[in-house]
Each structure stands twice: as structure tokens, then as C-alpha cells.
Amino acid sequence: MEQKNRFGSYVNVVSQLGKVRISVAVAFTTFTGYILSHGSLDRGIVLPVLGILLLACSASALNQLQEKQTDMLMKRTRNRPLPAGIISISGAWLITIGFFLTGTLVLLLGPGLVTTLVGLSTFISYNLIYTPLKRITAFAAVPGSIVGALPPLAGWVAGGGALNDPRAIMLGFFFFIGQIPHFWLLILKLGEQYEAASLPSLTKLLSAEQIKRLTFVWIAAMGVAAMAIPAFKITGQHWATFLVILLSTGLIIYFTRLLNIKKEFKVGSSFAMINLYYLMIMLVMISDRLI
């Protein structure tokens, strides 16, 4: 029983370091990119999705190593394995390197060099660009959002598509746009914690109302970008076009509440709404290609 508990605790720590739930969501965008490019579901999808999942876990673990001191100062992150002292730095490094090497090897042996390079670009963008920029500017989320655009492109290339295909560029742009309102919403909820950790925060530069308006602009841009998906022939069937437009219009209307200062605004439910929207759009695109 004791060994079982130890194993469960170890799995839990590895899961927390790799932010497995978020990494699975990232891998699903790779799944989406593969289907849109390849046009069918086959066993060739397994290795690119697995490789990106492992690299995403590695990037998350390295991020926690990079931000251990900052995480100790924030209520939201102080119970993570490193600041809580549940795992040593050397142990976290072993897990990070293990994720990285395994993910890279899976991509090299599976979809090949180009997909591997796209996957590694995601890792570099997150850990060597976005993470350091968070200490420099409150607008780090804008260049950092390239992180969200690359995993679906890895899937696109693995499925046989070209990176310079206008459809791939549009797909990447859609996922790029969607990362930014996620961060603005997070700032609305946790701005004071960022300030307490001495990180640049929009709450120091803008009022809550201004941040809400800025967030709405990016959410509206995300909806408009989605409406352009049928124009780029990423979807082709009429029902898919209708659903994309319907979902995007509904999203924009829902978030007009950001413009109403008097109306109560719940950040948590807003996160859930954006995530649900992304899932629905991906399912529509996938269904359009497979049906």
C-alpha cells in the first residue's frame, strides 16, 4: 500500500510539473491541425500528437523551474511542487529533460524533422521568449501568443501540409489571437498577485474597465478570425460555415458584458466560455473534414 501511495504521489508531481491538463489541450490542437491537413484519421496522427504533448509537458516543467521564486510569492502558484518543496530542483530537471528528450525523439522518429523543428520552436517561444518577457513588459502575452499558433501547425505539417499554405497561416493566426484574451482575463483576476510578485502587470498601467475593453477587442478579433476560416477553405461544407459564424457571433455577443461596467463579470466562467468556444470550433473543423 505504501509503495502504491508513493507511486501515486510521484505521478501527481509529474502531472503538476507537466501541467498535463493544459498540455493535453495543446496536443489536441496538433490533432486538429493533422486532421485538417491530412483529411482523414489514421495511425500517423499518434506520434505527432504524443510528441507535442511531451514537449508541452517539458516546457511547463521548465517554466516552473524558471519561475520558482516568483511562484513562491503568488497565492495561485505557491503550492506547485517546487515552491512547496515537494520535489527538488534536480528532480524537476530530470523530469523536464526526460519529457524534452522523449518528445523530441518521438517527433524525429515519427513525422520527421520539419514537425520536430516546429515543435521545438514552440518550446523556445514559451521558455526563451515569453517567460523572460513576463519580467520586462506587461504586454508579454502578445509576442508570447505565438506559442498557441505553433502546435496546430506541427499537426498540419505532420499531416502532409506545407507551412506556407494560406490555410495553415490562417489556422495559426486564429490560435494566436485566442491566446491573448486568456491572459487579459487572468490579469483581471490575478493582477494584484502579479504586482506582489514584482511582475509587470496591466493593472499598473490601465484601469479594470480599460482592461475589460481591451479584452473585448481581442475576443471580437478572435471571433472575426474564426469567421474567416470558411473563406480560406479550411472548412467547406455549408453546415460547418453556419456553425462557425453562429458560434463566433454568440461569443462576441456574450462578451459584450465586458463593456457594461455595472454588470457583474465572472472571470472563471469567462475562461470556461472561451475554452468551450475553442473546443467547439475545433470539433466543427474536424467534423467538416471527416464527414
C-alpha atoms as a PDB file:
ATOM      1  CA  MET A   1       0.000   0.000   0.000  1.00  0.00           C
ATOM      2  CA  GLU A   2       2.840   2.388   0.890  1.00  0.00           C
ATOM      3  CA  GLN A   3       4.556   1.759  -2.442  1.00  0.00           C
ATOM      4  CA  LYS A   4       1.261   2.389  -4.235  1.00  0.00           C
ATOM      5  CA  ASN A   5       0.829   5.687  -2.407  1.00  0.00           C
ATOM      6  CA  ARG A   6       4.382   6.712  -3.254  1.00  0.00           C
ATOM      7  CA  PHE A   7       3.832   5.885  -6.919  1.00  0.00           C
ATOM      8  CA  GLY A   8       0.579   7.866  -6.921  1.00  0.00           C
ATOM      9  CA  SER A   9       2.329  10.839  -5.317  1.00  0.00           C
ATOM     10  CA  TYR A  10       5.119  10.671  -7.886  1.00  0.00           C
ATOM     11  CA  VAL A  11       2.642  10.559 -10.769  1.00  0.00           C
ATOM     12  CA  ASN A  12       0.811  13.524  -9.259  1.00  0.00           C
ATOM     13  CA  VAL A  13       4.031  15.571  -9.020  1.00  0.00           C
ATOM     14  CA  VAL A  14       4.991  14.737 -12.614  1.00  0.00           C
ATOM     15  CA  SER A  15       1.481  15.654 -13.719  1.00  0.00           C
ATOM     16  CA  GLN A  16       1.653  19.010 -11.923  1.00  0.00           C
ATOM     17  CA  LEU A  17       5.084  19.820 -13.332  1.00  0.00           C
ATOM     18  CA  GLY A  18       3.958  18.960 -16.836  1.00  0.00           C
ATOM     19  CA  LYS A  19       0.580  20.717 -16.396  1.00  0.00           C
ATOM     20  CA  VAL A  20      -0.888  17.670 -18.072  1.00  0.00           C
ATOM     21  CA  ARG A  21      -4.426  19.025 -18.497  1.00  0.00           C
ATOM     22  CA  ILE A  22      -3.151  22.106 -20.319  1.00  0.00           C
ATOM     23  CA  SER A  23      -0.624  20.026 -22.284  1.00  0.00           C
ATOM     24  CA  VAL A  24      -3.403  17.678 -23.433  1.00  0.00           C
ATOM     25  CA  ALA A  25      -5.343  20.706 -24.702  1.00  0.00           C
ATOM     26  CA  VAL A  26      -2.232  21.833 -26.595  1.00  0.00           C
ATOM     27  CA  ALA A  27      -1.847  18.358 -28.088  1.00  0.00           C
ATOM     28  CA  PHE A  28      -5.481  18.453 -29.225  1.00  0.00           C
ATOM     29  CA  THR A  29      -4.685  21.494 -31.377  1.00  0.00           C
ATOM     30  CA  THR A  30      -1.980  19.355 -33.008  1.00  0.00           C
ATOM     31  CA  PHE A  31      -4.595  16.650 -33.540  1.00  0.00           C
ATOM     32  CA  THR A  32      -6.814  19.263 -35.178  1.00  0.00           C
ATOM     33  CA  GLY A  33      -4.056  20.535 -37.449  1.00  0.00           C
ATOM     34  CA  TYR A  34      -3.255  16.986 -38.598  1.00  0.00           C
ATOM     35  CA  ILE A  35      -6.874  16.183 -39.487  1.00  0.00           C
ATOM     36  CA  LEU A  36      -7.326  19.462 -41.357  1.00  0.00           C
ATOM     37  CA  SER A  37      -4.191  18.838 -43.404  1.00  0.00           C
ATOM     38  CA  HIS A  38      -4.410  15.071 -43.918  1.00  0.00           C
ATOM     39  CA  GLY A  39      -8.160  14.868 -44.330  1.00  0.00           C
ATOM     40  CA  SER A  40      -8.516  11.557 -42.511  1.00  0.00           C
ATOM     41  CA  LEU A  41      -7.872   9.884 -39.193  1.00  0.00           C
ATOM     42  CA  ASP A  42      -5.155   7.234 -39.244  1.00  0.00           C
ATOM     43  CA  ARG A  43      -2.374   5.919 -37.018  1.00  0.00           C
ATOM     44  CA  GLY A  44       0.012   8.520 -38.417  1.00  0.00           C
ATOM     45  CA  ILE A  45      -1.596  11.016 -36.039  1.00  0.00           C
ATOM     46  CA  VAL A  46      -0.352   9.262 -32.885  1.00  0.00           C
ATOM     47  CA  LEU A  47       3.323  10.240 -32.871  1.00  0.00           C
ATOM     48  CA  PRO A  48       2.957  13.953 -33.702  1.00  0.00           C
ATOM     49  CA  VAL A  49       0.269  14.354 -31.041  1.00  0.00           C
ATOM     50  CA  LEU A  50       2.292  12.390 -28.469  1.00  0.00           C
ATOM     51  CA  GLY A  51       5.483  14.269 -29.307  1.00  0.00           C
ATOM     52  CA  ILE A  52       3.854  17.683 -28.919  1.00  0.00           C
ATOM     53  CA  LEU A  53       2.205  16.546 -25.681  1.00  0.00           C
ATOM     54  CA  LEU A  54       5.591  15.579 -24.224  1.00  0.00           C
ATOM     55  CA  LEU A  55       7.257  18.806 -25.390  1.00  0.00           C
ATOM     56  CA  ALA A  56       4.406  20.823 -23.881  1.00  0.00           C
ATOM     57  CA  CYS A  57       4.920  18.984 -20.580  1.00  0.00           C
ATOM     58  CA  SER A  58       8.630  19.734 -20.784  1.00  0.00           C
ATOM     59  CA  ALA A  59       8.019  23.433 -21.463  1.00  0.00           C
ATOM     60  CA  SER A  60       5.642  23.644 -18.492  1.00  0.00           C
ATOM     61  CA  ALA A  61       8.117  21.929 -16.178  1.00  0.00           C
ATOM     62  CA  LEU A  62      10.962  24.182 -17.314  1.00  0.00           C
ATOM     63  CA  ASN A  63       8.736  27.222 -16.838  1.00  0.00           C
ATOM     64  CA  GLN A  64       8.223  26.225 -13.205  1.00  0.00           C
ATOM     65  CA  LEU A  65      11.975  25.893 -12.770  1.00  0.00           C
ATOM     66  CA  GLN A  66      12.432  29.330 -14.296  1.00  0.00           C
ATOM     67  CA  GLU A  67       9.764  30.903 -12.102  1.00  0.00           C
ATOM     68  CA  LYS A  68      10.239  29.058  -8.818  1.00  0.00           C
ATOM     69  CA  GLN A  69      10.978  32.239  -6.851  1.00  0.00           C
ATOM     70  CA  THR A  70       8.074  34.114  -8.407  1.00  0.00           C
ATOM     71  CA  ASP A  71       5.711  31.207  -7.810  1.00  0.00           C
ATOM     72  CA  MET A  72       6.537  31.319  -4.100  1.00  0.00           C
ATOM     73  CA  LEU A  73       5.157  34.868  -3.945  1.00  0.00           C
ATOM     74  CA  MET A  74       1.802  34.193  -5.611  1.00  0.00           C
ATOM     75  CA  LYS A  75      -1.137  32.533  -3.895  1.00  0.00           C
ATOM     76  CA  ARG A  76      -2.175  30.840  -7.150  1.00  0.00           C
ATOM     77  CA  THR A  77       1.203  29.127  -7.619  1.00  0.00           C
ATOM     78  CA  ARG A  78       2.811  28.755  -4.195  1.00  0.00           C
ATOM     79  CA  ASN A  79       1.545  25.172  -3.824  1.00  0.00           C
ATOM     80  CA  ARG A  80       3.198  23.951  -7.008  1.00  0.00           C
ATOM     81  CA  PRO A  81       5.734  21.131  -6.430  1.00  0.00           C
ATOM     82  CA  LEU A  82       8.870  23.312  -6.500  1.00  0.00           C
ATOM     83  CA  PRO A  83       7.867  26.263  -4.286  1.00  0.00           C
ATOM     84  CA  ALA A  84       6.104  23.841  -1.918  1.00  0.00           C
ATOM     85  CA  GLY A  85       9.299  21.795  -1.599  1.00  0.00           C
ATOM     86  CA  ILE A  86       7.615  18.592  -2.778  1.00  0.00           C
ATOM     87  CA  ILE A  87      10.370  17.952  -5.313  1.00  0.00           C
ATOM     88  CA  SER A  88      13.988  19.057  -5.535  1.00  0.00           C
ATOM     89  CA  ILE A  89      15.362  21.218  -8.316  1.00  0.00           C
ATOM     90  CA  SER A  90      17.495  18.323  -9.569  1.00  0.00           C
ATOM     91  CA  GLY A  91      14.438  16.055  -9.602  1.00  0.00           C
ATOM     92  CA  ALA A  92      12.451  18.649 -11.562  1.00  0.00           C
ATOM     93  CA  TRP A  93      15.303  18.969 -14.043  1.00  0.00           C
ATOM     94  CA  LEU A  94      15.350  15.198 -14.596  1.00  0.00           C
ATOM     95  CA  ILE A  95      11.626  15.203 -15.340  1.00  0.00           C
ATOM     96  CA  THR A  96      11.951  18.233 -17.622  1.00  0.00           C
ATOM     97  CA  ILE A  97      14.810  16.701 -19.600  1.00  0.00           C
ATOM     98  CA  GLY A  98      13.021  13.357 -19.756  1.00  0.00           C
ATOM     99  CA  PHE A  99       9.913  14.975 -21.247  1.00  0.00           C
ATOM    100  CA  PHE A 100      12.042  17.004 -23.684  1.00  0.00           C
ATOM    101  CA  LEU A 101      14.240  14.188 -24.991  1.00  0.00           C
ATOM    102  CA  THR A 102      11.365  11.734 -25.300  1.00  0.00           C
ATOM    103  CA  GLY A 103       9.156  14.259 -27.079  1.00  0.00           C
ATOM    104  CA  THR A 104      11.898  15.273 -29.482  1.00  0.00           C
ATOM    105  CA  LEU A 105      12.767  11.642 -30.249  1.00  0.00           C
ATOM    106  CA  VAL A 106       9.108  10.755 -30.860  1.00  0.00           C
ATOM    107  CA  LEU A 107       8.765  13.612 -33.365  1.00  0.00           C
ATOM    108  CA  LEU A 108      12.022  12.780 -35.130  1.00  0.00           C
ATOM    109  CA  LEU A 109      11.183   9.097 -35.480  1.00  0.00           C
ATOM    110  CA  GLY A 110       7.565   9.818 -36.378  1.00  0.00           C
ATOM    111  CA  PRO A 111       6.563  12.792 -38.540  1.00  0.00           C
ATOM    112  CA  GLY A 112      10.173  13.881 -39.125  1.00  0.00           C
ATOM    113  CA  LEU A 113      12.466  16.886 -38.992  1.00  0.00           C
ATOM    114  CA  VAL A 114      10.142  19.716 -40.049  1.00  0.00           C
ATOM    115  CA  THR A 115       7.478  18.815 -37.484  1.00  0.00           C
ATOM    116  CA  THR A 116      10.222  18.451 -34.869  1.00  0.00           C
ATOM    117  CA  LEU A 117      11.526  21.935 -35.649  1.00  0.00           C
ATOM    118  CA  VAL A 118       8.035  23.404 -35.336  1.00  0.00           C
ATOM    119  CA  GLY A 119       7.621  21.619 -32.011  1.00  0.00           C
ATOM    120  CA  LEU A 120      10.983  22.869 -30.753  1.00  0.00           C
ATOM    121  CA  SER A 121      10.030  26.383 -31.873  1.00  0.00           C
ATOM    122  CA  THR A 122       7.028  26.154 -29.555  1.00  0.00           C
ATOM    123  CA  PHE A 123       9.319  25.180 -26.690  1.00  0.00           C
ATOM    124  CA  ILE A 124      11.725  28.042 -27.456  1.00  0.00           C
ATOM    125  CA  SER A 125       8.911  30.588 -27.826  1.00  0.00           C
ATOM    126  CA  TYR A 126       7.462  29.701 -24.446  1.00  0.00           C
ATOM    127  CA  ASN A 127      10.590  29.295 -22.350  1.00  0.00           C
ATOM    128  CA  LEU A 128      13.134  31.577 -24.017  1.00  0.00           C
ATOM    129  CA  ILE A 129      10.888  34.392 -25.243  1.00  0.00           C
ATOM    130  CA  TYR A 130       7.582  34.590 -23.367  1.00  0.00           C
ATOM    131  CA  THR A 131       8.807  33.599 -19.898  1.00  0.00           C
ATOM    132  CA  PRO A 132      11.695  36.138 -19.772  1.00  0.00           C
ATOM    133  CA  LEU A 133       9.479  38.848 -21.316  1.00  0.00           C
ATOM    134  CA  LYS A 134       6.998  38.483 -18.437  1.00  0.00           C
ATOM    135  CA  ARG A 135       9.610  40.137 -16.220  1.00  0.00           C
ATOM    136  CA  ILE A 136      10.118  43.007 -18.654  1.00  0.00           C
ATOM    137  CA  THR A 137       6.738  44.048 -20.026  1.00  0.00           C
ATOM    138  CA  ALA A 138       3.076  43.761 -19.141  1.00  0.00           C
ATOM    139  CA  PHE A 139       2.406  43.087 -22.828  1.00  0.00           C
ATOM    140  CA  ALA A 140       4.466  39.877 -22.977  1.00  0.00           C
ATOM    141  CA  ALA A 141       1.313  37.970 -23.899  1.00  0.00           C
ATOM    142  CA  VAL A 142       1.262  39.487 -27.388  1.00  0.00           C
ATOM    143  CA  PRO A 143       4.580  38.075 -28.690  1.00  0.00           C
ATOM    144  CA  GLY A 144       4.148  35.124 -26.346  1.00  0.00           C
ATOM    145  CA  SER A 145       0.933  34.096 -28.076  1.00  0.00           C
ATOM    146  CA  ILE A 146       2.944  32.621 -30.930  1.00  0.00           C
ATOM    147  CA  VAL A 147       3.152  29.640 -28.556  1.00  0.00           C
ATOM    148  CA  GLY A 148      -0.506  28.887 -29.260  1.00  0.00           C
ATOM    149  CA  ALA A 149      -0.113  29.125 -33.028  1.00  0.00           C
ATOM    150  CA  LEU A 150       2.661  26.551 -33.454  1.00  0.00           C
ATOM    151  CA  PRO A 151       1.216  23.237 -32.143  1.00  0.00           C
ATOM    152  CA  PRO A 152      -1.624  23.160 -34.724  1.00  0.00           C
ATOM    153  CA  LEU A 153       0.960  23.948 -37.396  1.00  0.00           C
ATOM    154  CA  ALA A 154       3.041  20.994 -36.193  1.00  0.00           C
ATOM    155  CA  GLY A 155      -0.010  18.834 -36.787  1.00  0.00           C
ATOM    156  CA  TRP A 156      -0.585  20.452 -40.171  1.00  0.00           C
ATOM    157  CA  VAL A 157       2.958  19.647 -41.329  1.00  0.00           C
ATOM    158  CA  ALA A 158       2.806  16.129 -39.885  1.00  0.00           C
ATOM    159  CA  GLY A 159      -0.353  15.577 -41.916  1.00  0.00           C
ATOM    160  CA  GLY A 160       1.479  16.412 -45.127  1.00  0.00           C
ATOM    161  CA  GLY A 161       0.702  20.127 -45.420  1.00  0.00           C
ATOM    162  CA  ALA A 162       3.090  22.982 -46.134  1.00  0.00           C
ATOM    163  CA  LEU A 163       3.808  25.782 -43.682  1.00  0.00           C
ATOM    164  CA  ASN A 164       3.395  28.426 -46.378  1.00  0.00           C
ATOM    165  CA  ASP A 165      -0.101  27.206 -47.271  1.00  0.00           C
ATOM    166  CA  PRO A 166      -2.531  30.144 -46.727  1.00  0.00           C
ATOM    167  CA  ARG A 167      -4.826  27.771 -44.830  1.00  0.00           C
ATOM    168  CA  ALA A 168      -2.024  26.931 -42.393  1.00  0.00           C
ATOM    169  CA  ILE A 169      -1.257  30.611 -41.891  1.00  0.00           C
ATOM    170  CA  MET A 170      -4.928  31.366 -41.201  1.00  0.00           C
ATOM    171  CA  LEU A 171      -5.178  28.423 -38.805  1.00  0.00           C
ATOM    172  CA  GLY A 172      -2.111  29.583 -36.901  1.00  0.00           C
ATOM    173  CA  PHE A 173      -3.414  33.154 -36.806  1.00  0.00           C
ATOM    174  CA  PHE A 174      -6.712  32.025 -35.287  1.00  0.00           C
ATOM    175  CA  PHE A 175      -4.954  30.174 -32.472  1.00  0.00           C
ATOM    176  CA  PHE A 176      -2.526  33.084 -31.999  1.00  0.00           C
ATOM    177  CA  ILE A 177      -5.334  35.614 -31.499  1.00  0.00           C
ATOM    178  CA  GLY A 178      -7.099  33.434 -28.957  1.00  0.00           C
ATOM    179  CA  GLN A 179      -4.171  33.286 -26.532  1.00  0.00           C
ATOM    180  CA  ILE A 180      -4.218  36.990 -25.743  1.00  0.00           C
ATOM    181  CA  PRO A 181      -7.699  37.394 -24.186  1.00  0.00           C
ATOM    182  CA  HIS A 182      -6.896  34.391 -21.995  1.00  0.00           C
ATOM    183  CA  PHE A 183      -4.064  36.384 -20.484  1.00  0.00           C
ATOM    184  CA  TRP A 184      -6.048  39.612 -20.155  1.00  0.00           C
ATOM    185  CA  LEU A 185      -8.766  37.704 -18.283  1.00  0.00           C
ATOM    186  CA  LEU A 186      -6.128  36.232 -15.998  1.00  0.00           C
ATOM    187  CA  ILE A 187      -4.850  39.724 -15.240  1.00  0.00           C
ATOM    188  CA  LEU A 188      -8.351  40.867 -14.319  1.00  0.00           C
ATOM    189  CA  LYS A 189      -8.456  38.133 -11.705  1.00  0.00           C
ATOM    190  CA  LEU A 190      -4.837  37.978 -10.528  1.00  0.00           C
ATOM    191  CA  GLY A 191      -3.359  41.388 -11.272  1.00  0.00           C
ATOM    192  CA  GLU A 192      -2.654  42.081  -7.595  1.00  0.00           C
ATOM    193  CA  GLN A 193      -0.757  38.801  -7.273  1.00  0.00           C
ATOM    194  CA  TYR A 194       1.403  39.709 -10.264  1.00  0.00           C
ATOM    195  CA  GLU A 195       2.171  43.035  -8.644  1.00  0.00           C
ATOM    196  CA  ALA A 196       3.018  41.330  -5.340  1.00  0.00           C
ATOM    197  CA  ALA A 197       5.477  39.111  -7.208  1.00  0.00           C
ATOM    198  CA  SER A 198       7.073  42.239  -8.777  1.00  0.00           C
ATOM    199  CA  LEU A 199       5.946  41.263 -12.253  1.00  0.00           C
ATOM    200  CA  PRO A 200       4.818  43.942 -14.721  1.00  0.00           C
ATOM    201  CA  SER A 201       1.033  43.968 -14.767  1.00  0.00           C
ATOM    202  CA  LEU A 202      -1.546  45.754 -16.866  1.00  0.00           C
ATOM    203  CA  THR A 203      -3.285  46.653 -13.611  1.00  0.00           C
ATOM    204  CA  LYS A 204      -0.481  49.159 -13.007  1.00  0.00           C
ATOM    205  CA  LEU A 205      -0.998  50.775 -16.396  1.00  0.00           C
ATOM    206  CA  LEU A 206      -4.738  50.515 -17.007  1.00  0.00           C
ATOM    207  CA  SER A 207      -7.937  50.551 -15.001  1.00  0.00           C
ATOM    208  CA  ALA A 208     -10.108  47.443 -14.726  1.00  0.00           C
ATOM    209  CA  GLU A 209     -12.588  48.994 -17.176  1.00  0.00           C
ATOM    210  CA  GLN A 210      -9.834  49.645 -19.721  1.00  0.00           C
ATOM    211  CA  ILE A 211      -8.556  46.077 -19.404  1.00  0.00           C
ATOM    212  CA  LYS A 212     -12.092  44.774 -19.930  1.00  0.00           C
ATOM    213  CA  ARG A 213     -12.489  46.848 -23.095  1.00  0.00           C
ATOM    214  CA  LEU A 214      -9.094  45.676 -24.337  1.00  0.00           C
ATOM    215  CA  THR A 215     -10.077  42.088 -23.650  1.00  0.00           C
ATOM    216  CA  PHE A 216     -13.323  42.523 -25.573  1.00  0.00           C
ATOM    217  CA  VAL A 217     -11.444  43.870 -28.600  1.00  0.00           C
ATOM    218  CA  TRP A 218      -9.238  40.761 -28.708  1.00  0.00           C
ATOM    219  CA  ILE A 219     -12.191  38.419 -28.191  1.00  0.00           C
ATOM    220  CA  ALA A 220     -14.060  40.131 -31.020  1.00  0.00           C
ATOM    221  CA  ALA A 221     -10.934  39.804 -33.192  1.00  0.00           C
ATOM    222  CA  MET A 222     -10.818  36.105 -32.351  1.00  0.00           C
ATOM    223  CA  GLY A 223     -14.435  35.694 -33.432  1.00  0.00           C
ATOM    224  CA  VAL A 224     -13.849  37.573 -36.682  1.00  0.00           C
ATOM    225  CA  ALA A 225     -10.734  35.480 -37.371  1.00  0.00           C
ATOM    226  CA  ALA A 226     -12.830  32.331 -36.937  1.00  0.00           C
ATOM    227  CA  MET A 227     -15.402  33.665 -39.406  1.00  0.00           C
ATOM    228  CA  ALA A 228     -12.603  33.904 -41.970  1.00  0.00           C
ATOM    229  CA  ILE A 229     -11.918  30.157 -41.670  1.00  0.00           C
ATOM    230  CA  PRO A 230     -14.506  29.189 -44.344  1.00  0.00           C
ATOM    231  CA  ALA A 231     -13.134  31.867 -46.695  1.00  0.00           C
ATOM    232  CA  PHE A 232      -9.729  30.163 -46.538  1.00  0.00           C
ATOM    233  CA  LYS A 233     -11.335  26.811 -47.375  1.00  0.00           C
ATOM    234  CA  ILE A 234     -10.343  25.287 -44.036  1.00  0.00           C
ATOM    235  CA  THR A 235     -13.971  24.244 -43.837  1.00  0.00           C
ATOM    236  CA  GLY A 236     -16.024  23.633 -46.942  1.00  0.00           C
ATOM    237  CA  GLN A 237     -19.484  22.399 -46.035  1.00  0.00           C
ATOM    238  CA  HIS A 238     -22.350  24.843 -45.574  1.00  0.00           C
ATOM    239  CA  TRP A 239     -23.357  23.495 -42.176  1.00  0.00           C
ATOM    240  CA  ALA A 240     -19.792  23.989 -40.878  1.00  0.00           C
ATOM    241  CA  THR A 241     -19.693  27.562 -42.130  1.00  0.00           C
ATOM    242  CA  PHE A 242     -23.040  28.239 -40.472  1.00  0.00           C
ATOM    243  CA  LEU A 243     -21.859  26.813 -37.136  1.00  0.00           C
ATOM    244  CA  VAL A 244     -18.582  28.741 -37.183  1.00  0.00           C
ATOM    245  CA  ILE A 245     -20.433  32.010 -37.811  1.00  0.00           C
ATOM    246  CA  LEU A 246     -23.112  31.160 -35.217  1.00  0.00           C
ATOM    247  CA  LEU A 247     -20.584  30.226 -32.511  1.00  0.00           C
ATOM    248  CA  SER A 248     -18.412  33.276 -33.200  1.00  0.00           C
ATOM    249  CA  THR A 249     -21.347  35.678 -33.195  1.00  0.00           C
ATOM    250  CA  GLY A 250     -22.590  34.157 -29.953  1.00  0.00           C
ATOM    251  CA  LEU A 251     -19.145  34.537 -28.382  1.00  0.00           C
ATOM    252  CA  ILE A 252     -18.918  38.221 -29.286  1.00  0.00           C
ATOM    253  CA  ILE A 253     -22.423  38.912 -28.010  1.00  0.00           C
ATOM    254  CA  TYR A 254     -21.728  37.057 -24.767  1.00  0.00           C
ATOM    255  CA  PHE A 255     -18.627  39.130 -24.060  1.00  0.00           C
ATOM    256  CA  THR A 256     -20.294  42.469 -24.684  1.00  0.00           C
ATOM    257  CA  ARG A 257     -20.890  42.280 -20.923  1.00  0.00           C
ATOM    258  CA  LEU A 258     -17.253  43.369 -20.629  1.00  0.00           C
ATOM    259  CA  LEU A 259     -18.384  46.769 -21.874  1.00  0.00           C
ATOM    260  CA  ASN A 260     -21.060  47.093 -19.205  1.00  0.00           C
ATOM    261  CA  ILE A 261     -19.336  48.491 -16.119  1.00  0.00           C
ATOM    262  CA  LYS A 262     -22.370  47.948 -13.890  1.00  0.00           C
ATOM    263  CA  LYS A 263     -22.920  44.316 -14.843  1.00  0.00           C
ATOM    264  CA  GLU A 264     -21.223  41.651 -12.714  1.00  0.00           C
ATOM    265  CA  PHE A 265     -18.414  39.922 -14.551  1.00  0.00           C
ATOM    266  CA  LYS A 266     -17.088  36.497 -13.515  1.00  0.00           C
ATOM    267  CA  VAL A 267     -13.628  35.700 -14.831  1.00  0.00           C
ATOM    268  CA  GLY A 268     -13.859  31.971 -14.116  1.00  0.00           C
ATOM    269  CA  SER A 269     -16.964  31.402 -16.218  1.00  0.00           C
ATOM    270  CA  SER A 270     -15.451  33.571 -18.959  1.00  0.00           C
ATOM    271  CA  PHE A 271     -12.396  31.299 -19.133  1.00  0.00           C
ATOM    272  CA  ALA A 272     -14.715  28.326 -19.436  1.00  0.00           C
ATOM    273  CA  MET A 273     -16.689  30.043 -22.205  1.00  0.00           C
ATOM    274  CA  ILE A 274     -13.583  30.787 -24.297  1.00  0.00           C
ATOM    275  CA  ASN A 275     -12.260  27.244 -23.835  1.00  0.00           C
ATOM    276  CA  LEU A 276     -15.631  25.782 -24.795  1.00  0.00           C
ATOM    277  CA  TYR A 277     -15.738  28.036 -27.860  1.00  0.00           C
ATOM    278  CA  TYR A 278     -12.304  26.850 -28.983  1.00  0.00           C
ATOM    279  CA  LEU A 279     -13.269  23.227 -28.468  1.00  0.00           C
ATOM    280  CA  MET A 280     -16.470  23.654 -30.466  1.00  0.00           C
ATOM    281  CA  ILE A 281     -14.682  25.412 -33.348  1.00  0.00           C
ATOM    282  CA  MET A 282     -12.062  22.651 -33.483  1.00  0.00           C
ATOM    283  CA  LEU A 283     -14.747  19.954 -33.439  1.00  0.00           C
ATOM    284  CA  VAL A 284     -16.596  21.698 -36.268  1.00  0.00           C
ATOM    285  CA  MET A 285     -13.405  21.902 -38.359  1.00  0.00           C
ATOM    286  CA  ILE A 286     -12.533  18.269 -37.655  1.00  0.00           C
ATOM    287  CA  SER A 287     -16.063  17.064 -38.438  1.00  0.00           C
ATOM    288  CA  ASP A 288     -16.093  19.060 -41.676  1.00  0.00           C
ATOM    289  CA  ARG A 289     -13.003  17.190 -42.866  1.00  0.00           C
ATOM    290  CA  LEU A 290     -14.005  13.730 -41.705  1.00  0.00           C
ATOM    291  CA  ILE A 291     -17.699  13.611 -42.623  1.00  0.00           C
END
